[in-house]
């Protein structure tokens, strides 16, 4: 297979001269190709074939122990003007970045094969979609991109002779953390990643294109690239409302996307439809509303903590055709991880390749161990996954982990106020996260590590998008993590979160009322269905309570964060800050 695109062919030749691979293979996306690549990876040990009776089509991979997560401190936005990257990003001059990376890329593929992967983020041919080409020396990357994106012949045909595409170059090189760089060149529509084999750094269609470059392109072209799940809730009449939702890590984002209705609400006849668990690309359609697609075709999920209770749909999805990374390998050639389903294996080989037994000091699976699985295997997957116009968004939901401050749910007064709510999103660190436990970490729209330009300009873009719509989605904030005096969670979470989403759905359809508070509208106590729960309306009242003194203290954090962005911070955001301060006057 070859390309008819002169610019693409020229660029590939240039990268070949620099990286010096022994061979070039153009990826066509066929099943025969997949089998051939897997066989090669089994020979070299890059992959281990799992028990095909118990886990058909599944394989296992270990990354280098120094290469197990996104390396944010080595991730750069490379723009001519430093202020365009903003204080939210590491910045490097494009000329300096190219020069530094070229020294590492030079000869990095000698003795290896360069794979050329044409890929589409979003359904091939959709007005939402973007085409990229990733050059890589990793079979693991090729097989993951097969799952996470649409790849191969169809994409090249759509690209044609002169279509726009993102240039992505990746090499494992020597996997030296001191020679590792993840570089984004928004002005050149280019991504270079070297020295890593971990998915978040090397699957260039994911965070790199879909969010960092995507957010830049979205601002330039008038759409939104967001770190959001997309889910549909079908009510008993058959009406489906679609929500996009943003949560920082450790807040149950994937579990919510694949929620299973609780027993107490099943009799009402609700169904959940999963469109995406991680990224949403949203455009204003001809009806003046906001529509969204999931640009990905698979899930790159965190294994530890995933089990039949927290996410039964995901557990069903990963029983076949899945790539497992850095989990425990059992002697039966199956997999396990901490927080997974029983039984705990009597022995195994851990993520570092060492012998493991229960009680061993080292973890069997790395805390960031992963599975890569086709989205179509999820039992709750929506038939709109491949729809070219996606789904209409009725509500945007922001959330975080706050033990005391935020109520269970509240609705923003307006789109502008909703942007403020998203801009002030924060979570308190858990014991499992790096840093001081309980420390508040600001993460606007859950995009702080992923916004490819100055975040003050990002807030401005959100405000402009609201002005362009004839009907804006309602904006809400949720907090599943409020605790009582002894530190126990007040709300049960997981599938029970549907009870809150039911109220949100009612607000979107103007079927239920809200109670006005200084921070937004909260539910009337009668409007949250507590059937089957050991929760009283008095308990619910505590979850919905707002302490003005705590919010006055919270405002200091808002002000401090906004001042980072100086004069570029939109006036409208400061107006909302002043309005809230006035309402909270005690």
Protein backbone atom coordinates (compact mmCIF):
# COMPACT_ATOMS: atom_id res chain seq x y z
CA UNK A 1 0.00 0.00 0.00
CA UNK A 2 1.30 3.46 -0.91
CA UNK A 3 0.11 7.04 -0.69
CA UNK A 4 -1.03 9.29 -3.56
CA UNK A 5 -0.32 12.34 -1.39
CA UNK A 6 2.94 14.05 -2.50
CA UNK A 7 3.38 16.05 0.73
CA UNK A 8 2.87 12.93 2.86
CA UNK A 9 5.35 10.92 0.78
CA UNK A 10 7.92 13.71 0.99
CA UNK A 11 7.56 13.97 4.78
CA UNK A 12 7.90 10.18 5.24
CA UNK A 13 11.13 10.21 3.21
CA UNK A 14 12.51 13.06 5.34
CA UNK A 15 11.75 11.19 8.57
CA UNK A 16 13.27 7.98 7.14
CA UNK A 17 16.51 9.85 6.41
CA UNK A 18 16.61 11.08 10.00
CA UNK A 19 15.52 7.89 11.84
CA UNK A 20 17.23 5.41 9.43
CA UNK A 21 14.94 2.37 9.78
CA UNK A 22 15.87 -0.83 7.97
CA UNK A 23 12.39 -1.20 6.47
CA UNK A 24 9.18 0.83 5.99
CA UNK A 25 5.76 -0.82 6.33
CA UNK A 26 2.55 1.04 5.44
CA UNK A 27 -0.27 -0.14 7.72
CA UNK A 28 -3.43 -1.17 5.83
CA UNK A 29 -5.60 -2.15 8.83
CA UNK A 30 -6.39 -5.69 7.65
CA UNK A 31 -6.93 -8.69 9.93
CA UNK A 32 -4.10 -10.55 8.17
CA UNK A 33 -1.76 -7.69 9.02
CA UNK A 34 -2.81 -7.80 12.69
CA UNK A 35 -2.04 -11.53 12.91
CA UNK A 36 1.35 -11.04 11.26
CA UNK A 37 2.32 -8.19 13.62
CA UNK A 38 1.23 -10.13 16.70
CA UNK A 39 3.26 -13.16 15.60
CA UNK A 40 6.35 -10.96 15.20
CA UNK A 41 5.80 -9.37 18.63
CA UNK A 42 5.39 -12.80 20.28
CA UNK A 43 8.78 -13.84 18.83
CA UNK A 44 10.60 -10.78 20.17
CA UNK A 45 8.80 -10.79 23.54
CA UNK A 46 7.25 -7.37 22.94
CA UNK A 47 3.91 -9.13 23.52
CA UNK A 48 2.89 -12.31 25.35
CA UNK A 49 -0.05 -14.31 24.04
CA UNK A 50 -2.64 -14.90 26.77
CA UNK A 51 -4.82 -17.96 27.36
CA UNK A 52 -6.90 -18.01 24.16
CA UNK A 53 -9.62 -20.17 25.69
CA UNK A 54 -10.23 -17.84 28.61
CA UNK A 55 -9.22 -14.56 26.94
CA UNK A 56 -9.62 -14.99 23.16
CA UNK A 57 -7.70 -12.44 21.09
CA UNK A 58 -6.02 -10.96 24.18
CA UNK A 59 -2.31 -10.15 24.58
CA UNK A 60 -0.03 -8.88 27.35
CA UNK A 61 2.65 -6.16 27.34
CA UNK A 62 5.08 -4.71 29.87
CA UNK A 63 6.59 -1.25 29.57
CA UNK A 64 9.96 -0.21 30.95
CA UNK A 65 9.66 0.42 34.75
CA UNK A 66 10.67 4.06 34.16
CA UNK A 67 7.96 4.47 31.54
CA UNK A 68 4.57 3.74 33.10
CA UNK A 69 2.57 6.99 32.82
CA UNK A 70 2.29 10.31 31.03
CA UNK A 71 5.39 12.42 31.71
CA UNK A 72 3.85 15.87 32.06
CA UNK A 73 7.16 17.54 32.97
CA UNK A 74 8.61 16.36 29.62
CA UNK A 75 5.55 17.38 27.60
CA UNK A 76 5.83 20.70 25.77
CA UNK A 77 3.74 23.06 23.69
CA UNK A 78 6.07 24.61 21.12
CA UNK A 79 4.76 27.96 19.85
CA UNK A 80 6.64 31.01 18.61
CA UNK A 81 5.15 33.16 21.38
CA UNK A 82 5.48 31.82 24.94
CA UNK A 83 2.28 33.56 26.06
CA UNK A 84 0.31 31.60 23.46
CA UNK A 85 1.21 28.41 25.34
CA UNK A 86 0.24 30.03 28.64
CA UNK A 87 1.25 29.35 32.25
CA UNK A 88 -0.69 26.06 32.09
CA UNK A 89 1.90 24.49 29.74
CA UNK A 90 5.60 23.76 29.55
CA UNK A 91 6.91 25.80 26.62
CA UNK A 92 9.83 25.48 24.25
CA UNK A 93 10.73 27.45 21.12
CA UNK A 94 9.88 25.36 18.04
CA UNK A 95 13.40 25.69 16.61
CA UNK A 96 14.96 24.58 19.91
CA UNK A 97 12.50 21.70 20.29
CA UNK A 98 13.10 20.37 16.77
CA UNK A 99 16.87 20.63 17.23
CA UNK A 100 16.84 18.87 20.61
CA UNK A 101 14.57 16.06 19.39
CA UNK A 102 16.42 15.53 16.10
CA UNK A 103 19.56 14.66 18.05
CA UNK A 104 17.63 11.82 19.75
CA UNK A 105 15.67 10.73 16.67
CA UNK A 106 18.78 10.54 14.49
CA UNK A 107 19.41 6.85 13.76
CA UNK A 108 16.91 5.82 16.46
CA UNK A 109 15.21 3.27 14.18
CA UNK A 110 18.38 1.61 12.88
CA UNK A 111 17.80 -2.16 12.86
CA UNK A 112 14.07 -1.59 13.24
CA UNK A 113 10.96 -1.26 11.07
CA UNK A 114 9.21 2.09 10.62
CA UNK A 115 5.44 1.58 10.55
CA UNK A 116 3.39 4.23 8.76
CA UNK A 117 -0.09 4.44 10.34
CA UNK A 118 -2.74 6.56 8.55
CA UNK A 119 -5.46 7.14 11.15
CA UNK A 120 -8.70 9.06 11.61
CA UNK A 121 -9.89 10.53 14.88
CA UNK A 122 -13.66 10.38 14.53
CA UNK A 123 -15.61 8.43 11.91
CA UNK A 124 -13.84 8.46 8.54
CA UNK A 125 -15.32 11.28 6.47
CA UNK A 126 -17.23 12.96 9.31
CA UNK A 127 -17.18 16.79 9.42
CA UNK A 128 -15.93 16.35 13.01
CA UNK A 129 -12.99 14.14 12.08
CA UNK A 130 -9.27 14.78 11.67
CA UNK A 131 -6.74 12.61 9.85
CA UNK A 132 -3.25 11.97 11.14
CA UNK A 133 -0.29 9.82 10.14
CA UNK A 134 1.90 8.35 12.87
CA UNK A 135 5.35 6.95 12.11
CA UNK A 136 6.52 4.56 14.81
CA UNK A 137 9.00 1.74 15.49
CA UNK A 138 6.66 -0.02 17.93
CA UNK A 139 4.32 -2.90 17.08
CA UNK A 140 2.63 -2.22 20.43
CA UNK A 141 1.75 1.27 19.18
CA UNK A 142 0.40 -0.08 15.88
CA UNK A 143 -1.84 -2.61 17.60
CA UNK A 144 -3.11 -0.05 20.11
CA UNK A 145 -3.82 2.49 17.34
CA UNK A 146 -5.79 -0.25 15.58
CA UNK A 147 -8.13 -0.32 18.57
CA UNK A 148 -8.15 3.36 19.57
CA UNK A 149 -8.55 4.91 16.09
CA UNK A 150 -9.74 4.07 12.57
CA UNK A 151 -6.63 3.12 10.61
CA UNK A 152 -5.40 1.99 7.21
CA UNK A 153 -6.53 1.96 3.62
CA UNK A 154 -9.87 3.78 4.05
CA UNK A 155 -8.15 6.68 5.80
CA UNK A 156 -5.52 7.07 3.05
CA UNK A 157 -8.23 7.04 0.39
CA UNK A 158 -10.14 9.76 2.27
CA UNK A 159 -6.95 11.82 2.61
CA UNK A 160 -6.56 11.71 -1.17
CA UNK A 161 -3.83 13.70 -2.90
CA UNK A 162 -3.96 16.96 -0.96
CA UNK A 163 -5.93 16.54 2.30
CA UNK A 164 -4.75 18.09 5.57
CA UNK A 165 -3.18 15.74 8.09
CA UNK A 166 -1.36 15.86 11.42
CA UNK A 167 2.26 14.70 11.22
CA UNK A 168 3.10 12.37 14.11
CA UNK A 169 6.55 10.91 14.67
CA UNK A 170 7.35 8.43 17.43
CA UNK A 171 10.38 6.32 18.32
CA UNK A 172 11.06 4.32 21.44
CA UNK A 173 14.74 5.20 20.87
CA UNK A 174 16.56 3.84 23.97
CA UNK A 175 13.70 4.47 26.44
CA UNK A 176 16.02 6.70 28.47
CA UNK A 177 13.95 9.08 30.61
CA UNK A 178 16.72 11.66 30.19
CA UNK A 179 16.22 11.47 26.42
CA UNK A 180 12.41 11.55 26.48
CA UNK A 181 10.34 14.35 24.95
CA UNK A 182 6.69 14.73 23.99
CA UNK A 183 6.53 17.79 21.74
CA UNK A 184 3.48 19.50 20.24
CA UNK A 185 3.85 22.05 17.44
CA UNK A 186 0.31 23.48 17.05
CA UNK A 187 1.35 26.00 14.40
CA UNK A 188 2.84 23.15 12.30
CA UNK A 189 0.11 20.57 13.07
CA UNK A 190 2.92 18.26 14.18
CA UNK A 191 3.63 15.96 17.16
CA UNK A 192 7.00 14.39 18.00
CA UNK A 193 7.35 11.82 20.78
CA UNK A 194 10.65 10.10 21.56
CA UNK A 195 12.06 7.92 24.32
CA UNK A 196 8.78 6.47 25.61
CA UNK A 197 6.68 3.38 24.99
CA UNK A 198 3.76 4.23 27.33
CA UNK A 199 0.40 4.67 25.61
CA UNK A 200 -0.42 8.17 26.87
CA UNK A 201 2.89 9.44 25.44
CA UNK A 202 2.97 7.45 22.21
CA UNK A 203 -0.58 6.86 20.93
CA UNK A 204 -0.43 10.21 19.20
CA UNK A 205 -4.11 10.26 18.27
CA UNK A 206 -5.15 10.26 21.93
CA UNK A 207 -4.20 13.11 24.30
CA UNK A 208 -1.67 14.60 21.84
CA UNK A 209 -3.98 15.12 18.84
CA UNK A 210 -7.45 14.73 20.31
CA UNK A 211 -6.85 17.22 23.12
CA UNK A 212 -3.64 19.27 22.92
CA UNK A 213 -3.64 19.90 19.18
CA UNK A 214 -7.41 19.38 19.03
CA UNK A 215 -8.12 22.19 21.48
CA UNK A 216 -5.85 24.52 19.47
CA UNK A 217 -7.56 23.53 16.19
CA UNK A 218 -10.98 23.85 17.85
CA UNK A 219 -10.31 27.42 18.87
CA UNK A 220 -8.96 28.25 15.42
CA UNK A 221 -11.90 26.58 13.59
CA UNK A 222 -14.76 27.24 16.03
CA UNK A 223 -15.36 23.96 17.90
CA UNK A 224 -14.46 22.31 21.22
CA UNK A 225 -12.06 19.44 21.96
CA UNK A 226 -12.74 18.36 25.53
CA UNK A 227 -11.60 15.81 28.11
CA UNK A 228 -15.16 14.54 28.53
CA UNK A 229 -17.19 11.36 28.50
CA UNK A 230 -20.34 11.26 26.36
CA UNK A 231 -23.34 9.23 27.55
CA UNK A 232 -27.01 8.93 26.71
CA UNK A 233 -29.82 8.31 29.18
CA UNK A 234 -32.95 6.75 27.72
CA UNK A 235 -36.08 7.34 29.78
CA UNK A 236 -39.11 5.01 29.91
CA UNK A 237 -40.74 6.83 26.95
CA UNK A 238 -37.74 6.12 24.69
CA UNK A 239 -36.44 9.73 24.78
CA UNK A 240 -32.63 9.89 25.00
CA UNK A 241 -30.80 12.88 26.51
CA UNK A 242 -27.06 13.04 25.87
CA UNK A 243 -24.61 14.49 28.39
CA UNK A 244 -20.92 15.39 28.15
CA UNK A 245 -19.07 15.31 31.47
CA UNK A 246 -15.60 16.28 32.69
CA UNK A 247 -13.95 14.85 35.81
CA UNK A 248 -10.35 14.94 37.06
CA UNK A 249 -8.64 11.59 37.69
CA UNK A 250 -9.94 9.34 40.51
CA UNK A 251 -13.49 10.66 40.17
CA UNK A 252 -15.13 7.70 38.38
CA UNK A 253 -15.39 9.11 34.87
CA UNK A 254 -15.27 5.79 32.98
CA UNK A 255 -17.58 4.12 35.51
CA UNK A 256 -20.16 6.87 34.97
CA UNK A 257 -19.94 6.56 31.18
CA UNK A 258 -20.87 2.87 31.48
CA UNK A 259 -23.25 3.15 34.45
CA UNK A 260 -25.66 0.31 35.15
CA UNK A 261 -29.06 1.50 36.51
CA UNK A 262 -29.52 0.53 40.18
CA UNK A 263 -32.20 -1.92 41.25
CA UNK A 264 -34.26 0.90 42.75
CA UNK A 265 -34.59 2.61 39.35
CA UNK A 266 -34.58 -0.38 36.99
CA UNK A 267 -38.36 -0.68 37.25
CA UNK A 268 -38.67 2.79 35.73
CA UNK A 269 -37.12 1.44 32.54
CA UNK A 270 -34.01 3.64 32.22
CA UNK A 271 -31.17 2.60 29.90
CA UNK A 272 -27.65 4.00 29.59
CA UNK A 273 -25.89 4.39 26.24
CA UNK A 274 -22.10 4.86 26.22
CA UNK A 275 -20.77 7.04 23.41
CA UNK A 276 -17.31 7.69 24.86
CA UNK A 277 -15.43 7.52 28.16
CA UNK A 278 -12.66 10.09 27.72
CA UNK A 279 -12.79 12.64 24.88
CA UNK A 280 -15.54 14.68 23.19
CA UNK A 281 -15.26 16.80 20.06
CA UNK A 282 -18.22 19.21 19.93
CA UNK A 283 -19.49 21.43 17.13
CA UNK A 284 -22.45 23.74 16.63
CA UNK A 285 -24.69 22.07 14.06
CA UNK A 286 -27.26 23.58 11.69
CA UNK A 287 -29.92 23.45 14.44
CA UNK A 288 -27.89 25.91 16.53
CA UNK A 289 -27.24 23.28 19.20
CA UNK A 290 -24.05 21.60 20.36
CA UNK A 291 -23.37 18.12 18.93
CA UNK A 292 -20.59 15.75 19.97
CA UNK A 293 -18.63 12.79 18.66
CA UNK A 294 -16.19 10.53 20.44
CA UNK A 295 -13.06 10.79 18.26
CA UNK A 296 -11.78 7.47 19.60
CA UNK A 297 -12.80 3.94 18.64
CA UNK A 298 -11.63 2.22 21.82
CA UNK A 299 -11.07 2.55 25.56
CA UNK A 300 -7.62 2.91 27.15
CA UNK A 301 -8.73 2.23 30.71
CA UNK A 302 -7.05 1.98 34.10
CA UNK A 303 -7.21 -1.60 35.38
CA UNK A 304 -6.81 -1.35 39.21
CA UNK A 305 -10.18 -0.81 40.86
CA UNK A 306 -12.13 -2.01 37.82
CA UNK A 307 -14.36 -4.92 38.81
CA UNK A 308 -17.86 -6.35 38.45
CA UNK A 309 -19.23 -3.89 41.01
CA UNK A 310 -17.54 -0.67 39.88
CA UNK A 311 -17.93 -1.28 36.14
CA UNK A 312 -19.62 -4.50 34.99
CA UNK A 313 -19.88 -3.23 31.41
CA UNK A 314 -16.14 -2.72 31.14
CA UNK A 315 -15.47 -6.14 32.68
CA UNK A 316 -17.67 -7.69 29.99
CA UNK A 317 -15.90 -5.70 27.25
CA UNK A 318 -12.35 -6.77 28.14
CA UNK A 319 -12.95 -10.53 27.94
CA UNK A 320 -11.67 -10.63 24.35
CA UNK A 321 -9.52 -8.74 21.79
CA UNK A 322 -7.85 -6.68 24.52
CA UNK A 323 -4.27 -5.52 25.06
CA UNK A 324 -3.32 -5.66 28.76
CA UNK A 325 -0.40 -3.52 29.91
CA UNK A 326 1.52 -3.78 33.21
CA UNK A 327 -1.03 -5.97 35.01
CA UNK A 328 -0.27 -9.22 36.86
CA UNK A 329 0.26 -12.27 34.63
CA UNK A 330 -1.02 -15.49 36.22
CA UNK A 331 0.45 -18.95 35.69
CA UNK A 332 -2.68 -19.80 33.62
CA UNK A 333 -1.75 -16.93 31.26
CA UNK A 334 -4.71 -14.84 32.45
CA UNK A 335 -4.53 -11.43 34.15
CA UNK A 336 -5.34 -9.85 37.51
CA UNK A 337 -4.95 -6.53 39.29
CA UNK A 338 -5.48 -5.01 42.71
CA UNK A 339 -9.14 -4.11 43.19
CA UNK A 340 -10.12 -6.63 40.52
CA UNK A 341 -12.56 -9.51 40.80
CA UNK A 342 -11.75 -12.52 43.00
CA UNK A 343 -10.20 -14.97 43.31
CA UNK A 344 -6.78 -13.50 44.06
CA UNK A 345 -4.27 -15.72 42.24
CA UNK A 346 -1.98 -17.88 44.38
CA UNK A 347 1.03 -16.72 42.35
CA UNK A 348 2.00 -14.88 39.21
CA UNK A 349 4.51 -12.61 37.48
CA UNK A 350 4.11 -8.95 38.36
CA UNK A 351 4.25 -5.94 36.06
CA UNK A 352 8.04 -5.76 36.44
CA UNK A 353 8.52 -9.42 35.48
CA UNK A 354 9.16 -10.60 39.06
CA UNK A 355 7.59 -13.57 40.86
CA UNK A 356 4.58 -12.45 42.90
CA UNK A 357 2.43 -14.03 45.62
CA UNK A 358 -0.33 -12.62 47.86
CA UNK A 359 1.32 -10.68 50.67
CA UNK A 360 4.31 -9.75 48.50
CA UNK A 361 5.40 -6.19 49.27
CA UNK A 362 5.35 -5.14 45.60
CA UNK A 363 2.04 -4.66 43.80
CA UNK A 364 1.09 -7.27 41.23
CA UNK A 365 -0.21 -4.65 38.79
CA UNK A 366 1.11 -1.11 38.42
CA UNK A 367 -1.39 1.50 39.77
CA UNK A 368 -1.60 2.92 36.23
CA UNK A 369 -1.78 -0.46 34.47
CA UNK A 370 -4.09 -0.43 31.47
CA UNK A 371 -6.31 -2.31 29.06
CA UNK A 372 -6.98 -1.27 25.47
CA UNK A 373 -10.29 -2.57 24.18
CA UNK A 374 -12.55 -1.88 21.16
CA UNK A 375 -15.47 0.34 22.18
CA UNK A 376 -17.87 -1.82 20.17
CA UNK A 377 -17.37 -4.65 22.69
CA UNK A 378 -18.95 -2.63 25.52
CA UNK A 379 -22.51 -3.93 26.20
CA UNK A 380 -23.79 -0.36 26.70
CA UNK A 381 -22.17 1.11 23.56
CA UNK A 382 -24.39 3.47 21.59
CA UNK A 383 -25.18 2.83 17.93
CA UNK A 384 -24.27 6.51 17.44
CA UNK A 385 -20.55 5.84 17.97
CA UNK A 386 -19.90 5.92 14.22
CA UNK A 387 -22.58 8.50 13.38
CA UNK A 388 -21.03 11.34 11.37
CA UNK A 389 -22.87 14.08 13.26
CA UNK A 390 -22.63 12.46 16.66
CA UNK A 391 -25.25 13.21 19.31
CA UNK A 392 -27.01 16.41 20.50
CA UNK A 393 -25.75 17.54 23.93
CA UNK A 394 -28.45 18.54 26.43
CA UNK A 395 -26.16 19.08 29.42
CA UNK A 396 -22.50 19.53 30.29
CA UNK A 397 -21.51 18.20 33.71
CA UNK A 398 -18.43 19.16 35.68
CA UNK A 399 -17.33 17.33 38.82
CA UNK A 400 -14.61 16.92 41.37
CA UNK A 401 -13.73 15.30 44.66
CA UNK A 402 -14.63 17.68 47.52
CA UNK A 403 -15.19 16.33 51.02
CA UNK A 404 -17.14 19.32 52.35
CA UNK A 405 -17.54 22.24 49.95
CA UNK A 406 -19.64 21.34 46.91
CA UNK A 407 -23.19 19.96 47.13
CA UNK A 408 -24.21 16.71 45.49
CA UNK A 409 -25.41 18.62 42.41
CA UNK A 410 -26.14 22.17 41.33
CA UNK A 411 -27.03 23.87 38.06
CA UNK A 412 -25.34 27.02 36.75
CA UNK A 413 -27.54 30.07 36.21
CA UNK A 414 -26.38 30.74 32.63
CA UNK A 415 -23.81 29.53 30.08
CA UNK A 416 -21.42 32.25 31.23
CA UNK A 417 -21.84 31.23 34.85
CA UNK A 418 -21.37 27.62 33.76
CA UNK A 419 -18.02 28.49 32.18
CA UNK A 420 -17.03 29.98 35.53
CA UNK A 421 -18.11 26.76 37.28
CA UNK A 422 -15.92 24.76 34.87
CA UNK A 423 -13.03 27.23 35.20
CA UNK A 424 -13.00 26.80 38.99
CA UNK A 425 -13.19 22.98 38.99
CA UNK A 426 -10.97 21.37 41.59
CA UNK A 427 -10.35 18.07 43.36
CA UNK A 428 -8.78 17.16 46.66
CA UNK A 429 -5.90 14.74 46.34
CA UNK A 430 -6.49 11.19 47.56
CA UNK A 431 -3.95 9.01 49.37
CA UNK A 432 -3.24 7.25 46.07
CA UNK A 433 -2.21 10.48 44.32
CA UNK A 434 1.15 12.21 44.47
CA UNK A 435 1.17 15.23 46.78
CA UNK A 436 -0.38 16.19 50.11
CA UNK A 437 -3.63 14.37 50.88
CA UNK A 438 -6.62 16.75 50.91
CA UNK A 439 -4.71 19.42 48.95
CA UNK A 440 -6.97 21.21 46.45
CA UNK A 441 -5.74 20.85 42.87
CA UNK A 442 -7.29 23.19 40.31
CA UNK A 443 -8.15 21.48 37.04
CA UNK A 444 -10.49 23.62 34.90
CA UNK A 445 -12.80 21.46 32.76
CA UNK A 446 -10.34 18.60 33.61
CA UNK A 447 -8.18 20.14 30.85
CA UNK A 448 -5.23 21.60 32.74
CA UNK A 449 -2.72 18.97 31.46
CA UNK A 450 -4.30 18.85 27.99
CA UNK A 451 -5.17 22.37 26.83
CA UNK A 452 -2.78 23.09 23.95
CA UNK A 453 -2.77 26.86 24.39
CA UNK A 454 -3.18 29.62 26.98
CA UNK A 455 -6.06 28.62 29.25
CA UNK A 456 -7.28 32.22 29.57
CA UNK A 457 -7.87 32.16 25.80
CA UNK A 458 -9.54 28.76 26.26
CA UNK A 459 -12.09 30.26 28.68
CA UNK A 460 -12.66 33.06 26.16
CA UNK A 461 -13.30 30.47 23.45
CA UNK A 462 -15.90 28.73 25.64
CA UNK A 463 -17.67 32.06 26.19
CA UNK A 464 -17.70 32.76 22.44
CA UNK A 465 -19.10 29.30 21.69
CA UNK A 466 -22.03 30.05 23.98
CA UNK A 467 -22.74 33.28 22.11
CA UNK A 468 -22.82 31.43 18.78
CA UNK A 469 -25.40 28.84 19.86
CA UNK A 470 -29.11 29.46 19.56
CA UNK A 471 -29.70 26.94 22.36
CA UNK A 472 -26.94 26.21 24.83
CA UNK A 473 -26.69 23.02 26.91
CA UNK A 474 -27.39 23.50 30.60
CA UNK A 475 -24.29 23.27 32.79
CA UNK A 476 -24.14 21.38 36.10
CA UNK A 477 -21.62 20.46 38.78
CA UNK A 478 -21.71 17.18 40.72
CA UNK A 479 -19.82 15.93 43.77
CA UNK A 480 -20.20 12.26 44.63
CA UNK A 481 -17.58 12.54 47.41
CA UNK A 482 -19.07 14.65 50.19
CA UNK A 483 -18.35 13.10 53.61
CA UNK A 484 -19.82 13.17 57.09
CA UNK A 485 -18.03 14.10 60.32
CA UNK A 486 -16.33 10.69 60.46
CA UNK A 487 -15.06 10.81 56.87
CA UNK A 488 -17.61 8.38 55.40
CA UNK A 489 -19.15 9.16 52.03
CA UNK A 490 -22.72 10.46 52.29
CA UNK A 491 -23.67 9.36 48.77
CA UNK A 492 -23.28 5.70 47.66
CA UNK A 493 -22.07 6.56 44.14
CA UNK A 494 -21.61 4.10 41.25
CA UNK A 495 -24.96 3.15 39.66
CA UNK A 496 -26.86 5.26 42.19
CA UNK A 497 -25.51 8.36 40.42
CA UNK A 498 -28.33 7.82 37.90
CA UNK A 499 -30.66 9.31 40.53
CA UNK A 500 -28.81 12.62 40.18
CA UNK A 501 -28.66 12.35 36.40
CA UNK A 502 -32.43 11.80 36.39
CA UNK A 503 -32.86 15.21 38.04
CA UNK A 504 -30.45 16.78 35.55
CA UNK A 505 -32.44 15.22 32.72
CA UNK A 506 -35.64 16.62 34.25
CA UNK A 507 -34.11 20.10 34.40
CA UNK A 508 -33.08 19.87 30.74
CA UNK A 509 -36.69 19.01 29.81
CA UNK A 510 -38.14 21.62 32.20
CA UNK A 511 -40.00 18.93 34.16
CA UNK A 512 -38.60 19.60 37.64
CA UNK A 513 -37.86 22.75 39.57
CA UNK A 514 -34.68 23.93 41.23
CA UNK A 515 -34.06 25.88 44.42
CA UNK A 516 -31.97 29.03 43.95
CA UNK A 517 -28.82 29.35 46.07
CA UNK A 518 -25.83 31.72 45.80
CA UNK A 519 -23.90 29.17 43.72
CA UNK A 520 -26.71 27.86 41.46
CA UNK A 521 -29.90 25.80 41.50
CA UNK A 522 -30.08 22.68 43.69
CA UNK A 523 -32.85 20.04 43.67
CA UNK A 524 -35.91 20.13 45.87
CA UNK A 525 -35.60 17.23 48.30
CA UNK A 526 -38.63 15.46 46.79
CA UNK A 527 -37.11 15.54 43.30
CA UNK A 528 -34.28 13.04 43.92
CA UNK A 529 -35.66 9.49 43.88
CA UNK A 530 -34.31 7.69 46.96
CA UNK A 531 -36.25 4.43 46.38
CA UNK A 532 -34.32 1.46 47.72
CA UNK A 533 -31.64 3.57 49.44
CA UNK A 534 -31.02 3.81 53.16
CA UNK A 535 -30.93 7.60 52.87
CA UNK A 536 -33.44 10.01 54.40
CA UNK A 537 -34.42 13.40 53.04
CA UNK A 538 -32.58 14.84 56.05
CA UNK A 539 -29.40 13.07 54.82
CA UNK A 540 -30.04 14.39 51.33
CA UNK A 541 -30.42 17.87 52.76
CA UNK A 542 -26.89 17.61 54.20
CA UNK A 543 -25.56 16.58 50.78
CA UNK A 544 -27.22 19.59 49.15
CA UNK A 545 -26.26 22.08 51.86
CA UNK A 546 -24.08 25.09 51.13
CA UNK A 547 -21.89 26.68 53.78
CA UNK A 548 -21.38 30.34 52.82
CA UNK A 549 -18.26 30.69 54.98
CA UNK A 550 -16.61 27.74 53.22
CA UNK A 551 -17.46 29.23 49.84
CA UNK A 552 -16.04 32.62 50.86
CA UNK A 553 -12.80 30.79 51.67
CA UNK A 554 -13.00 28.91 48.34
CA UNK A 555 -13.19 32.24 46.48
CA UNK A 556 -9.65 33.03 47.60
CA UNK A 557 -8.48 29.97 45.65
CA UNK A 558 -10.45 31.11 42.58
CA UNK A 559 -8.81 34.54 42.68
CA UNK A 560 -5.31 33.13 43.17
CA UNK A 561 -5.74 30.74 40.24
CA UNK A 562 -7.14 33.37 37.86
CA UNK A 563 -4.28 35.79 38.64
CA UNK A 564 -1.88 33.27 37.06
CA UNK A 565 -3.23 34.31 33.66
CA UNK A 566 -2.85 38.06 34.10
CA UNK A 567 -4.55 40.46 31.71
CA UNK A 568 -5.56 37.66 29.27
CA UNK A 569 -8.21 36.43 31.72
CA UNK A 570 -11.66 37.27 30.27
CA UNK A 571 -13.59 40.07 31.98
CA UNK A 572 -16.71 37.87 32.00
CA UNK A 573 -14.99 35.37 34.33
CA UNK A 574 -14.04 38.14 36.75
CA UNK A 575 -17.64 39.43 36.53
CA UNK A 576 -18.90 36.02 37.65
CA UNK A 577 -16.34 35.99 40.46
CA UNK A 578 -17.59 39.38 41.72
CA UNK A 579 -21.24 38.31 41.40
CA UNK A 580 -20.60 35.19 43.48
CA UNK A 581 -18.67 37.18 46.07
CA UNK A 582 -21.61 39.56 46.41
CA UNK A 583 -24.13 36.71 46.78
CA UNK A 584 -21.97 35.09 49.45
CA UNK A 585 -21.69 38.26 51.55
CA UNK A 586 -22.16 37.10 55.15
